[in-house]
Amino acid sequence: MGVHYSNELPDGTPFYATGDQFFEREELREPSVFTRPSKSPKNGADRYAQLSELVRCKLESYLVEAKGAI
């Protein structure tokens, strides 16, 4: 069993930056909500920063696309 993190926009809209990584046969369950830690992890802080930037860029792209569809 693996773990997958997703994000939710302030208006409650789910945002899955990595949702395309799943196979149809995989079963997704109800999410557990938690507050993101305010500090970077001790191990892998550089990878965390890169991931954070990737998510931020994808989110900005998503918002631009959503505004263009209106």
C-alpha atoms as a PDB file:
ATOM      1  CA  MET A   1       0.000   0.000   0.000  1.00  0.00           C
ATOM      2  CA  GLY A   2       1.375   3.393  -0.947  1.00  0.00           C
ATOM      3  CA  VAL A   3       0.670   6.947   0.044  1.00  0.00           C
ATOM      4  CA  HIS A   4      -0.322   9.758  -2.272  1.00  0.00           C
ATOM      5  CA  TYR A   5      -0.646  13.410  -1.372  1.00  0.00           C
ATOM      6  CA  SER A   6      -3.043  15.735  -3.124  1.00  0.00           C
ATOM      7  CA  ASN A   7      -3.983  19.327  -2.587  1.00  0.00           C
ATOM      8  CA  GLU A   8      -7.190  21.237  -2.233  1.00  0.00           C
ATOM      9  CA  LEU A   9      -7.717  24.770  -3.478  1.00  0.00           C
ATOM     10  CA  PRO A  10      -9.064  27.372  -1.039  1.00  0.00           C
ATOM     11  CA  ASP A  11     -12.561  27.004  -2.549  1.00  0.00           C
ATOM     12  CA  GLY A  12     -12.512  23.240  -1.850  1.00  0.00           C
ATOM     13  CA  THR A  13     -11.734  22.130  -5.417  1.00  0.00           C
ATOM     14  CA  PRO A  14      -9.425  19.080  -5.428  1.00  0.00           C
ATOM     15  CA  PHE A  15      -6.136  19.581  -7.264  1.00  0.00           C
ATOM     16  CA  TYR A  16      -4.276  16.406  -8.228  1.00  0.00           C
ATOM     17  CA  ALA A  17      -0.908  17.358  -9.689  1.00  0.00           C
ATOM     18  CA  THR A  18       0.105  13.702  -9.852  1.00  0.00           C
ATOM     19  CA  GLY A  19      -3.265  12.025 -10.421  1.00  0.00           C
ATOM     20  CA  ASP A  20      -2.139  10.692 -13.794  1.00  0.00           C
ATOM     21  CA  GLN A  21       0.316   8.368 -12.034  1.00  0.00           C
ATOM     22  CA  PHE A  22      -2.437   5.913 -11.060  1.00  0.00           C
ATOM     23  CA  PHE A  23      -3.550   2.835 -12.950  1.00  0.00           C
ATOM     24  CA  GLU A  24      -7.250   2.166 -13.484  1.00  0.00           C
ATOM     25  CA  ARG A  25      -7.027  -0.990 -11.357  1.00  0.00           C
ATOM     26  CA  GLU A  26      -5.770   0.955  -8.325  1.00  0.00           C
ATOM     27  CA  GLU A  27      -8.281   1.749  -5.629  1.00  0.00           C
ATOM     28  CA  LEU A  28      -8.311   5.243  -4.186  1.00  0.00           C
ATOM     29  CA  ARG A  29      -9.866   5.711  -0.780  1.00  0.00           C
ATOM     30  CA  GLU A  30     -11.255   8.683   1.073  1.00  0.00           C
ATOM     31  CA  PRO A  31      -8.468  11.129   1.900  1.00  0.00           C
ATOM     32  CA  SER A  32      -7.153  11.942   5.335  1.00  0.00           C
ATOM     33  CA  VAL A  33      -6.690  15.640   5.956  1.00  0.00           C
ATOM     34  CA  PHE A  34      -3.663  16.966   7.786  1.00  0.00           C
ATOM     35  CA  THR A  35      -1.905  20.285   8.190  1.00  0.00           C
ATOM     36  CA  ARG A  36       1.346  20.625   6.311  1.00  0.00           C
ATOM     37  CA  PRO A  37       4.296  21.099   8.683  1.00  0.00           C
ATOM     38  CA  SER A  38       5.626  24.654   8.849  1.00  0.00           C
ATOM     39  CA  LYS A  39       9.253  23.470   8.693  1.00  0.00           C
ATOM     40  CA  SER A  40      10.998  21.527   5.943  1.00  0.00           C
ATOM     41  CA  PRO A  41      11.846  17.907   6.749  1.00  0.00           C
ATOM     42  CA  LYS A  42      15.288  17.214   8.219  1.00  0.00           C
ATOM     43  CA  ASN A  43      16.034  14.648   5.523  1.00  0.00           C
ATOM     44  CA  GLY A  44      15.349  15.547   1.916  1.00  0.00           C
ATOM     45  CA  ALA A  45      14.735  19.276   2.403  1.00  0.00           C
ATOM     46  CA  ASP A  46      16.112  19.944  -1.085  1.00  0.00           C
ATOM     47  CA  ARG A  47      13.724  17.409  -2.647  1.00  0.00           C
ATOM     48  CA  TYR A  48      10.850  18.869  -0.651  1.00  0.00           C
ATOM     49  CA  ALA A  49      11.685  22.364  -1.957  1.00  0.00           C
ATOM     50  CA  GLN A  50      11.787  21.065  -5.545  1.00  0.00           C
ATOM     51  CA  LEU A  51       8.459  19.294  -5.116  1.00  0.00           C
ATOM     52  CA  SER A  52       6.920  22.381  -3.543  1.00  0.00           C
ATOM     53  CA  GLU A  53       8.024  24.492  -6.515  1.00  0.00           C
ATOM     54  CA  LEU A  54       6.680  21.912  -8.985  1.00  0.00           C
ATOM     55  CA  VAL A  55       3.284  21.878  -7.263  1.00  0.00           C
ATOM     56  CA  ARG A  56       3.226  25.681  -7.140  1.00  0.00           C
ATOM     57  CA  CYS A  57       3.944  25.892 -10.895  1.00  0.00           C
ATOM     58  CA  LYS A  58       1.320  23.286 -11.759  1.00  0.00           C
ATOM     59  CA  LEU A  59      -1.220  25.047  -9.574  1.00  0.00           C
ATOM     60  CA  GLU A  60      -0.536  28.384 -11.251  1.00  0.00           C
ATOM     61  CA  SER A  61      -0.916  26.706 -14.657  1.00  0.00           C
ATOM     62  CA  TYR A  62      -4.175  25.090 -13.533  1.00  0.00           C
ATOM     63  CA  LEU A  63      -5.542  28.444 -12.374  1.00  0.00           C
ATOM     64  CA  VAL A  64      -4.607  30.122 -15.672  1.00  0.00           C
ATOM     65  CA  GLU A  65      -6.335  27.329 -17.629  1.00  0.00           C
ATOM     66  CA  ALA A  66      -9.419  27.514 -15.412  1.00  0.00           C
ATOM     67  CA  LYS A  67      -9.708  31.282 -15.889  1.00  0.00           C
ATOM     68  CA  GLY A  68      -9.364  30.853 -19.661  1.00  0.00           C
ATOM     69  CA  ALA A  69     -12.246  28.363 -19.690  1.00  0.00           C
ATOM     70  CA  ILE A  70     -14.657  30.848 -18.132  1.00  0.00           C
END
